[in-house]
């Protein structure tokens, strides 16, 4: 684990140094970095429950601000600008966000227990179960709701979309909702009866609520998908959750209307 943490720290430092040189970061990010470091110190280097609680509370507040792109100083480049991948689809834009990945990096560095459940064989076995089932349930529901339809494609922006979705969307969101939230609650309430399924449902509900801005249908679909990702994390660890998440997004992107029907 120390090797993983130091590697993540070096990559983080290098990547954000490059972004600073190329003008993608402003001076206010120094405050955000400082507060994240403070939260990490409270969580990692102190044992008193009040100090650790303050650290987690500070991180959650910062994570919320980063997730909704509210904190200043991050100038994310728009790499896909209102493109219709198919004639019936709504326009789609994509940004390379520099703020949201900080949440995942903090979890990697401050919460190494997120990775303790990893076993390659178990992860692969779990993914072979959770990915097809999650695909079937969520995409069938999306078609039934009239949100998407069968539309195979691979546009020229597909490679960039896939890289962004794997690293900046699927990995980051699974670190937050399954690793930090579901895993953290499971550790906190380990002695409570039925804690594991309860924590899975809480994380799935919050994941669904995160998508409420796109409409109640997407909130429901995201909550259903969150259950699939949660089961993958529970039995296969973080890699199974990330692969299930990315696999669903990839099939949606390449074989169905993306992001949804236009008006």
C-alpha atoms as a PDB file:
ATOM      1  CA  UNK A   1       0.000   0.000   0.000  1.00  0.00           C
ATOM      2  CA  UNK A   2       2.766   2.581   0.663  1.00  0.00           C
ATOM      3  CA  UNK A   3       3.985   2.093  -2.932  1.00  0.00           C
ATOM      4  CA  UNK A   4       0.496   2.765  -4.291  1.00  0.00           C
ATOM      5  CA  UNK A   5       0.079   5.840  -2.112  1.00  0.00           C
ATOM      6  CA  UNK A   6       3.464   7.327  -3.062  1.00  0.00           C
ATOM      7  CA  UNK A   7       2.868   6.591  -6.740  1.00  0.00           C
ATOM      8  CA  UNK A   8      -0.516   8.317  -6.582  1.00  0.00           C
ATOM      9  CA  UNK A   9       1.040  11.313  -4.841  1.00  0.00           C
ATOM     10  CA  UNK A  10       3.796  11.666  -7.445  1.00  0.00           C
ATOM     11  CA  UNK A  11       1.340  11.364 -10.323  1.00  0.00           C
ATOM     12  CA  UNK A  12      -0.934  13.911  -8.687  1.00  0.00           C
ATOM     13  CA  UNK A  13       1.932  16.360  -8.141  1.00  0.00           C
ATOM     14  CA  UNK A  14       3.258  15.967 -11.697  1.00  0.00           C
ATOM     15  CA  UNK A  15      -0.147  16.210 -13.351  1.00  0.00           C
ATOM     16  CA  UNK A  16      -1.232  19.307 -11.494  1.00  0.00           C
ATOM     17  CA  UNK A  17       2.188  20.944 -11.968  1.00  0.00           C
ATOM     18  CA  UNK A  18       1.745  20.528 -15.735  1.00  0.00           C
ATOM     19  CA  UNK A  19      -1.800  21.908 -15.504  1.00  0.00           C
ATOM     20  CA  UNK A  20      -0.470  24.910 -13.559  1.00  0.00           C
ATOM     21  CA  UNK A  21       2.233  25.588 -16.181  1.00  0.00           C
ATOM     22  CA  UNK A  22      -0.332  25.492 -18.985  1.00  0.00           C
ATOM     23  CA  UNK A  23      -2.691  27.861 -17.200  1.00  0.00           C
ATOM     24  CA  UNK A  24      -5.402  25.344 -16.308  1.00  0.00           C
ATOM     25  CA  UNK A  25      -5.212  26.181 -12.591  1.00  0.00           C
ATOM     26  CA  UNK A  26      -5.630  29.468 -10.773  1.00  0.00           C
ATOM     27  CA  UNK A  27      -4.290  30.711  -7.465  1.00  0.00           C
ATOM     28  CA  UNK A  28      -7.444  29.784  -5.442  1.00  0.00           C
ATOM     29  CA  UNK A  29      -6.620  26.076  -5.865  1.00  0.00           C
ATOM     30  CA  UNK A  30      -3.852  26.543  -3.295  1.00  0.00           C
ATOM     31  CA  UNK A  31      -6.529  26.954  -0.625  1.00  0.00           C
ATOM     32  CA  UNK A  32      -8.326  23.792  -1.764  1.00  0.00           C
ATOM     33  CA  UNK A  33      -5.098  21.776  -1.758  1.00  0.00           C
ATOM     34  CA  UNK A  34      -4.224  23.102   1.691  1.00  0.00           C
ATOM     35  CA  UNK A  35      -7.610  22.164   3.137  1.00  0.00           C
ATOM     36  CA  UNK A  36      -7.420  18.676   1.616  1.00  0.00           C
ATOM     37  CA  UNK A  37      -3.978  18.196   3.144  1.00  0.00           C
ATOM     38  CA  UNK A  38      -5.339  19.354   6.519  1.00  0.00           C
ATOM     39  CA  UNK A  39      -8.218  16.886   6.277  1.00  0.00           C
ATOM     40  CA  UNK A  40      -5.803  14.098   5.380  1.00  0.00           C
ATOM     41  CA  UNK A  41      -3.533  14.839   8.324  1.00  0.00           C
ATOM     42  CA  UNK A  42      -6.492  14.775  10.716  1.00  0.00           C
ATOM     43  CA  UNK A  43      -7.652  11.389   9.382  1.00  0.00           C
ATOM     44  CA  UNK A  44      -4.272   9.663   9.018  1.00  0.00           C
ATOM     45  CA  UNK A  45      -2.142  11.010  11.855  1.00  0.00           C
ATOM     46  CA  UNK A  46      -4.611  11.439  14.720  1.00  0.00           C
ATOM     47  CA  UNK A  47      -6.504   8.809  16.686  1.00  0.00           C
ATOM     48  CA  UNK A  48      -8.918  11.002  18.650  1.00  0.00           C
ATOM     49  CA  UNK A  49     -12.429  10.503  17.273  1.00  0.00           C
ATOM     50  CA  UNK A  50     -13.211  14.249  17.259  1.00  0.00           C
ATOM     51  CA  UNK A  51     -10.134  15.143  15.197  1.00  0.00           C
ATOM     52  CA  UNK A  52     -10.717  12.292  12.759  1.00  0.00           C
ATOM     53  CA  UNK A  53     -14.395  13.241  12.520  1.00  0.00           C
ATOM     54  CA  UNK A  54     -13.431  16.825  11.740  1.00  0.00           C
ATOM     55  CA  UNK A  55     -11.082  15.588   9.018  1.00  0.00           C
ATOM     56  CA  UNK A  56     -13.761  13.437   7.405  1.00  0.00           C
ATOM     57  CA  UNK A  57     -16.313  16.246   7.671  1.00  0.00           C
ATOM     58  CA  UNK A  58     -13.928  18.710   6.037  1.00  0.00           C
ATOM     59  CA  UNK A  59     -13.184  16.250   3.252  1.00  0.00           C
ATOM     60  CA  UNK A  60     -16.889  15.582   2.592  1.00  0.00           C
ATOM     61  CA  UNK A  61     -17.561  19.327   2.329  1.00  0.00           C
ATOM     62  CA  UNK A  62     -14.633  19.804  -0.056  1.00  0.00           C
ATOM     63  CA  UNK A  63     -15.621  16.711  -2.061  1.00  0.00           C
ATOM     64  CA  UNK A  64     -19.130  18.101  -2.551  1.00  0.00           C
ATOM     65  CA  UNK A  65     -17.695  21.393  -3.792  1.00  0.00           C
ATOM     66  CA  UNK A  66     -15.275  19.640  -6.140  1.00  0.00           C
ATOM     67  CA  UNK A  67     -17.921  17.247  -7.481  1.00  0.00           C
ATOM     68  CA  UNK A  68     -20.266  20.062  -8.518  1.00  0.00           C
ATOM     69  CA  UNK A  69     -17.356  22.212  -9.782  1.00  0.00           C
ATOM     70  CA  UNK A  70     -18.128  24.943  -7.266  1.00  0.00           C
ATOM     71  CA  UNK A  71     -14.626  25.584  -5.918  1.00  0.00           C
ATOM     72  CA  UNK A  72     -12.732  28.257  -7.874  1.00  0.00           C
ATOM     73  CA  UNK A  73      -9.427  28.048  -9.715  1.00  0.00           C
ATOM     74  CA  UNK A  74     -10.041  25.012 -11.956  1.00  0.00           C
ATOM     75  CA  UNK A  75     -10.290  25.777 -15.680  1.00  0.00           C
ATOM     76  CA  UNK A  76     -11.493  22.531 -17.255  1.00  0.00           C
ATOM     77  CA  UNK A  77     -11.094  22.257 -21.029  1.00  0.00           C
ATOM     78  CA  UNK A  78     -14.130  21.373 -23.146  1.00  0.00           C
ATOM     79  CA  UNK A  79     -12.983  18.603 -25.496  1.00  0.00           C
ATOM     80  CA  UNK A  80     -16.372  17.617 -26.946  1.00  0.00           C
ATOM     81  CA  UNK A  81     -18.673  20.524 -27.769  1.00  0.00           C
ATOM     82  CA  UNK A  82     -22.413  19.833 -28.206  1.00  0.00           C
ATOM     83  CA  UNK A  83     -21.979  16.874 -30.568  1.00  0.00           C
ATOM     84  CA  UNK A  84     -24.889  14.682 -31.694  1.00  0.00           C
ATOM     85  CA  UNK A  85     -23.432  11.183 -31.991  1.00  0.00           C
ATOM     86  CA  UNK A  86     -26.555  10.026 -33.849  1.00  0.00           C
ATOM     87  CA  UNK A  87     -29.347  12.105 -35.427  1.00  0.00           C
ATOM     88  CA  UNK A  88     -31.918  11.287 -32.739  1.00  0.00           C
ATOM     89  CA  UNK A  89     -29.571  11.924 -29.792  1.00  0.00           C
ATOM     90  CA  UNK A  90     -29.379  14.991 -27.608  1.00  0.00           C
ATOM     91  CA  UNK A  91     -26.217  17.123 -27.964  1.00  0.00           C
ATOM     92  CA  UNK A  92     -23.346  15.962 -25.746  1.00  0.00           C
ATOM     93  CA  UNK A  93     -20.475  18.012 -24.323  1.00  0.00           C
ATOM     94  CA  UNK A  94     -17.540  16.737 -22.282  1.00  0.00           C
ATOM     95  CA  UNK A  95     -14.971  18.518 -20.126  1.00  0.00           C
ATOM     96  CA  UNK A  96     -11.662  17.227 -18.801  1.00  0.00           C
ATOM     97  CA  UNK A  97     -12.346  18.174 -15.200  1.00  0.00           C
ATOM     98  CA  UNK A  98      -9.335  18.840 -12.994  1.00  0.00           C
ATOM     99  CA  UNK A  99     -11.262  19.237  -9.735  1.00  0.00           C
ATOM    100  CA  UNK A 100     -13.236  15.997  -9.319  1.00  0.00           C
ATOM    101  CA  UNK A 101     -10.201  13.634  -9.542  1.00  0.00           C
ATOM    102  CA  UNK A 102      -8.789  15.245  -6.386  1.00  0.00           C
ATOM    103  CA  UNK A 103     -11.529  13.448  -4.451  1.00  0.00           C
ATOM    104  CA  UNK A 104     -10.297  10.071  -5.627  1.00  0.00           C
ATOM    105  CA  UNK A 105      -6.658  10.906  -4.964  1.00  0.00           C
ATOM    106  CA  UNK A 106      -7.492  11.957  -1.398  1.00  0.00           C
ATOM    107  CA  UNK A 107      -9.283   8.668  -0.765  1.00  0.00           C
ATOM    108  CA  UNK A 108      -6.332   6.692  -2.162  1.00  0.00           C
ATOM    109  CA  UNK A 109      -3.887   8.517   0.093  1.00  0.00           C
ATOM    110  CA  UNK A 110      -5.965   8.835   3.262  1.00  0.00           C
ATOM    111  CA  UNK A 111      -8.064   5.647   3.189  1.00  0.00           C
ATOM    112  CA  UNK A 112      -5.873   2.683   2.142  1.00  0.00           C
ATOM    113  CA  UNK A 113      -8.442   0.251   3.563  1.00  0.00           C
ATOM    114  CA  UNK A 114     -10.485   0.870   0.403  1.00  0.00           C
ATOM    115  CA  UNK A 115      -8.178  -1.613  -1.370  1.00  0.00           C
ATOM    116  CA  UNK A 116      -7.937  -4.325   1.294  1.00  0.00           C
ATOM    117  CA  UNK A 117     -10.643  -6.562  -0.221  1.00  0.00           C
ATOM    118  CA  UNK A 118      -8.899  -7.014  -3.571  1.00  0.00           C
ATOM    119  CA  UNK A 119      -8.447 -10.535  -4.953  1.00  0.00           C
ATOM    120  CA  UNK A 120      -7.977 -10.925  -8.718  1.00  0.00           C
ATOM    121  CA  UNK A 121      -9.849 -14.194  -9.155  1.00  0.00           C
ATOM    122  CA  UNK A 122     -12.711 -13.107  -6.924  1.00  0.00           C
ATOM    123  CA  UNK A 123     -12.944  -9.738  -8.695  1.00  0.00           C
ATOM    124  CA  UNK A 124     -13.160 -11.361 -12.132  1.00  0.00           C
ATOM    125  CA  UNK A 125     -15.732 -13.915 -10.975  1.00  0.00           C
ATOM    126  CA  UNK A 126     -17.862 -11.204  -9.378  1.00  0.00           C
ATOM    127  CA  UNK A 127     -17.661  -8.969 -12.458  1.00  0.00           C
ATOM    128  CA  UNK A 128     -18.814 -11.809 -14.703  1.00  0.00           C
ATOM    129  CA  UNK A 129     -22.006 -11.874 -12.625  1.00  0.00           C
ATOM    130  CA  UNK A 130     -22.630  -8.198 -11.814  1.00  0.00           C
ATOM    131  CA  UNK A 131     -21.836  -6.645 -15.201  1.00  0.00           C
ATOM    132  CA  UNK A 132     -24.293  -8.639 -17.371  1.00  0.00           C
ATOM    133  CA  UNK A 133     -27.049  -8.398 -14.752  1.00  0.00           C
ATOM    134  CA  UNK A 134     -26.565  -4.637 -14.281  1.00  0.00           C
ATOM    135  CA  UNK A 135     -26.539  -4.157 -18.063  1.00  0.00           C
ATOM    136  CA  UNK A 136     -29.751  -6.123 -18.484  1.00  0.00           C
ATOM    137  CA  UNK A 137     -31.662  -4.395 -15.691  1.00  0.00           C
ATOM    138  CA  UNK A 138     -30.554  -0.801 -16.287  1.00  0.00           C
ATOM    139  CA  UNK A 139     -30.611  -0.686 -20.089  1.00  0.00           C
ATOM    140  CA  UNK A 140     -33.934  -2.532 -20.265  1.00  0.00           C
ATOM    141  CA  UNK A 141     -35.385   0.016 -17.840  1.00  0.00           C
ATOM    142  CA  UNK A 142     -33.907   2.925 -19.819  1.00  0.00           C
ATOM    143  CA  UNK A 143     -35.451   1.618 -23.068  1.00  0.00           C
ATOM    144  CA  UNK A 144     -38.788   1.018 -21.344  1.00  0.00           C
ATOM    145  CA  UNK A 145     -38.761   4.610 -20.034  1.00  0.00           C
ATOM    146  CA  UNK A 146     -38.184   5.916 -23.551  1.00  0.00           C
ATOM    147  CA  UNK A 147     -34.842   7.490 -22.724  1.00  0.00           C
ATOM    148  CA  UNK A 148     -32.633   5.545 -25.156  1.00  0.00           C
ATOM    149  CA  UNK A 149     -32.903   3.131 -28.056  1.00  0.00           C
ATOM    150  CA  UNK A 150     -30.708   0.697 -29.992  1.00  0.00           C
ATOM    151  CA  UNK A 151     -28.070   2.749 -31.832  1.00  0.00           C
ATOM    152  CA  UNK A 152     -24.702   1.014 -32.478  1.00  0.00           C
ATOM    153  CA  UNK A 153     -21.819   3.433 -33.216  1.00  0.00           C
ATOM    154  CA  UNK A 154     -18.242   4.348 -32.427  1.00  0.00           C
ATOM    155  CA  UNK A 155     -17.648   8.043 -33.143  1.00  0.00           C
ATOM    156  CA  UNK A 156     -14.199   9.548 -33.639  1.00  0.00           C
ATOM    157  CA  UNK A 157     -14.318  10.927 -30.097  1.00  0.00           C
ATOM    158  CA  UNK A 158     -14.879   7.430 -28.680  1.00  0.00           C
ATOM    159  CA  UNK A 159     -11.317   6.856 -27.474  1.00  0.00           C
ATOM    160  CA  UNK A 160     -11.171  10.163 -25.613  1.00  0.00           C
ATOM    161  CA  UNK A 161     -14.617   9.547 -24.138  1.00  0.00           C
ATOM    162  CA  UNK A 162     -13.593   6.067 -22.937  1.00  0.00           C
ATOM    163  CA  UNK A 163     -10.384   7.287 -21.284  1.00  0.00           C
ATOM    164  CA  UNK A 164     -12.198  10.129 -19.546  1.00  0.00           C
ATOM    165  CA  UNK A 165     -15.068   7.906 -18.449  1.00  0.00           C
ATOM    166  CA  UNK A 166     -12.806   5.209 -17.037  1.00  0.00           C
ATOM    167  CA  UNK A 167     -10.407   7.438 -15.093  1.00  0.00           C
ATOM    168  CA  UNK A 168     -12.307  10.635 -14.300  1.00  0.00           C
ATOM    169  CA  UNK A 169     -15.835   9.230 -13.992  1.00  0.00           C
ATOM    170  CA  UNK A 170     -16.041   5.509 -13.177  1.00  0.00           C
ATOM    171  CA  UNK A 171     -12.893   5.211 -11.053  1.00  0.00           C
ATOM    172  CA  UNK A 172     -13.466   8.468  -9.199  1.00  0.00           C
ATOM    173  CA  UNK A 173     -17.148   7.808  -8.493  1.00  0.00           C
ATOM    174  CA  UNK A 174     -16.482   4.257  -7.314  1.00  0.00           C
ATOM    175  CA  UNK A 175     -13.749   5.468  -4.983  1.00  0.00           C
ATOM    176  CA  UNK A 176     -16.279   7.920  -3.518  1.00  0.00           C
ATOM    177  CA  UNK A 177     -19.521   5.958  -3.339  1.00  0.00           C
ATOM    178  CA  UNK A 178     -18.355   2.368  -2.976  1.00  0.00           C
ATOM    179  CA  UNK A 179     -14.875   2.675  -1.498  1.00  0.00           C
ATOM    180  CA  UNK A 180     -15.268   5.652   0.834  1.00  0.00           C
ATOM    181  CA  UNK A 181     -19.005   5.701   1.542  1.00  0.00           C
ATOM    182  CA  UNK A 182     -20.141   2.062   1.355  1.00  0.00           C
ATOM    183  CA  UNK A 183     -16.828   0.700   2.639  1.00  0.00           C
ATOM    184  CA  UNK A 184     -16.490   3.345   5.337  1.00  0.00           C
ATOM    185  CA  UNK A 185     -20.030   2.877   6.634  1.00  0.00           C
ATOM    186  CA  UNK A 186     -19.546  -0.903   6.637  1.00  0.00           C
ATOM    187  CA  UNK A 187     -16.453  -0.487   8.827  1.00  0.00           C
ATOM    188  CA  UNK A 188     -18.217   1.990  11.104  1.00  0.00           C
ATOM    189  CA  UNK A 189     -21.285  -0.216  11.634  1.00  0.00           C
ATOM    190  CA  UNK A 190     -19.559  -3.588  11.403  1.00  0.00           C
ATOM    191  CA  UNK A 191     -21.337  -4.926  14.509  1.00  0.00           C
ATOM    192  CA  UNK A 192     -24.816  -3.773  13.467  1.00  0.00           C
ATOM    193  CA  UNK A 193     -27.087  -6.542  12.104  1.00  0.00           C
ATOM    194  CA  UNK A 194     -27.498  -6.408   8.308  1.00  0.00           C
ATOM    195  CA  UNK A 195     -24.982  -3.564   8.110  1.00  0.00           C
ATOM    196  CA  UNK A 196     -23.548  -4.643   4.748  1.00  0.00           C
ATOM    197  CA  UNK A 197     -26.800  -4.540   2.711  1.00  0.00           C
ATOM    198  CA  UNK A 198     -27.928  -1.405   4.526  1.00  0.00           C
ATOM    199  CA  UNK A 199     -24.696   0.450   3.712  1.00  0.00           C
ATOM    200  CA  UNK A 200     -24.941  -0.753   0.111  1.00  0.00           C
ATOM    201  CA  UNK A 201     -28.454   0.665  -0.185  1.00  0.00           C
ATOM    202  CA  UNK A 202     -27.454   3.990   1.413  1.00  0.00           C
ATOM    203  CA  UNK A 203     -24.569   4.427  -1.039  1.00  0.00           C
ATOM    204  CA  UNK A 204     -26.849   3.486  -3.960  1.00  0.00           C
ATOM    205  CA  UNK A 205     -29.522   5.951  -2.851  1.00  0.00           C
ATOM    206  CA  UNK A 206     -27.022   8.795  -2.590  1.00  0.00           C
ATOM    207  CA  UNK A 207     -25.566   7.844  -5.972  1.00  0.00           C
ATOM    208  CA  UNK A 208     -29.044   8.047  -7.446  1.00  0.00           C
ATOM    209  CA  UNK A 209     -29.711  11.427  -5.845  1.00  0.00           C
ATOM    210  CA  UNK A 210     -26.499  12.726  -7.431  1.00  0.00           C
ATOM    211  CA  UNK A 211     -28.173  12.250 -10.831  1.00  0.00           C
ATOM    212  CA  UNK A 212     -31.452  13.960  -9.901  1.00  0.00           C
ATOM    213  CA  UNK A 213     -30.481  17.051 -11.895  1.00  0.00           C
ATOM    214  CA  UNK A 214     -30.893  15.057 -15.120  1.00  0.00           C
ATOM    215  CA  UNK A 215     -34.450  14.061 -14.172  1.00  0.00           C
ATOM    216  CA  UNK A 216     -36.163  11.552 -11.906  1.00  0.00           C
ATOM    217  CA  UNK A 217     -35.747   8.791 -14.485  1.00  0.00           C
ATOM    218  CA  UNK A 218     -31.964   9.082 -14.392  1.00  0.00           C
ATOM    219  CA  UNK A 219     -32.072   9.205 -10.604  1.00  0.00           C
ATOM    220  CA  UNK A 220     -33.944   5.881 -10.561  1.00  0.00           C
ATOM    221  CA  UNK A 221     -31.625   4.317 -13.150  1.00  0.00           C
ATOM    222  CA  UNK A 222     -28.503   5.518 -11.326  1.00  0.00           C
ATOM    223  CA  UNK A 223     -29.851   4.104  -8.054  1.00  0.00           C
ATOM    224  CA  UNK A 224     -30.473   0.747  -9.731  1.00  0.00           C
ATOM    225  CA  UNK A 225     -26.991   0.799 -11.253  1.00  0.00           C
ATOM    226  CA  UNK A 226     -25.584   1.733  -7.854  1.00  0.00           C
ATOM    227  CA  UNK A 227     -26.978  -1.489  -6.405  1.00  0.00           C
ATOM    228  CA  UNK A 228     -25.109  -3.435  -9.090  1.00  0.00           C
ATOM    229  CA  UNK A 229     -21.892  -1.530  -8.412  1.00  0.00           C
ATOM    230  CA  UNK A 230     -22.383  -2.016  -4.674  1.00  0.00           C
ATOM    231  CA  UNK A 231     -22.764  -5.781  -5.008  1.00  0.00           C
ATOM    232  CA  UNK A 232     -19.649  -5.824  -7.195  1.00  0.00           C
ATOM    233  CA  UNK A 233     -17.707  -3.912  -4.528  1.00  0.00           C
ATOM    234  CA  UNK A 234     -19.062  -6.035  -1.696  1.00  0.00           C
ATOM    235  CA  UNK A 235     -17.938  -9.329  -3.232  1.00  0.00           C
ATOM    236  CA  UNK A 236     -15.197  -8.339  -5.695  1.00  0.00           C
ATOM    237  CA  UNK A 237     -13.613  -5.202  -4.288  1.00  0.00           C
ATOM    238  CA  UNK A 238     -13.001  -1.876  -5.998  1.00  0.00           C
ATOM    239  CA  UNK A 239     -11.806  -3.313  -9.373  1.00  0.00           C
ATOM    240  CA  UNK A 240     -15.068  -5.226  -9.829  1.00  0.00           C
ATOM    241  CA  UNK A 241     -17.100  -2.104  -9.065  1.00  0.00           C
ATOM    242  CA  UNK A 242     -15.087   0.050 -11.482  1.00  0.00           C
ATOM    243  CA  UNK A 243     -15.297  -2.507 -14.320  1.00  0.00           C
ATOM    244  CA  UNK A 244     -19.050  -2.948 -13.804  1.00  0.00           C
ATOM    245  CA  UNK A 245     -19.554   0.825 -13.788  1.00  0.00           C
ATOM    246  CA  UNK A 246     -17.389   1.460 -16.843  1.00  0.00           C
ATOM    247  CA  UNK A 247     -18.829  -1.546 -18.671  1.00  0.00           C
ATOM    248  CA  UNK A 248     -22.376  -0.230 -18.314  1.00  0.00           C
ATOM    249  CA  UNK A 249     -21.339   3.245 -19.473  1.00  0.00           C
ATOM    250  CA  UNK A 250     -19.393   1.812 -22.414  1.00  0.00           C
ATOM    251  CA  UNK A 251     -22.273  -0.343 -23.651  1.00  0.00           C
ATOM    252  CA  UNK A 252     -24.648   2.623 -23.284  1.00  0.00           C
ATOM    253  CA  UNK A 253     -22.255   4.825 -25.261  1.00  0.00           C
ATOM    254  CA  UNK A 254     -21.477   2.388 -28.070  1.00  0.00           C
ATOM    255  CA  UNK A 255     -24.726   0.475 -28.571  1.00  0.00           C
ATOM    256  CA  UNK A 256     -27.550   2.785 -27.425  1.00  0.00           C
ATOM    257  CA  UNK A 257     -28.624   6.407 -27.879  1.00  0.00           C
ATOM    258  CA  UNK A 258     -26.095   8.585 -26.064  1.00  0.00           C
ATOM    259  CA  UNK A 259     -26.669  10.357 -23.817  1.00  0.00           C
ATOM    260  CA  UNK A 260     -30.434  10.082 -24.537  1.00  0.00           C
ATOM    261  CA  UNK A 261     -33.069  10.985 -27.085  1.00  0.00           C
ATOM    262  CA  UNK A 262     -33.134  14.669 -28.054  1.00  0.00           C
ATOM    263  CA  UNK A 263     -36.248  16.795 -28.021  1.00  0.00           C
END
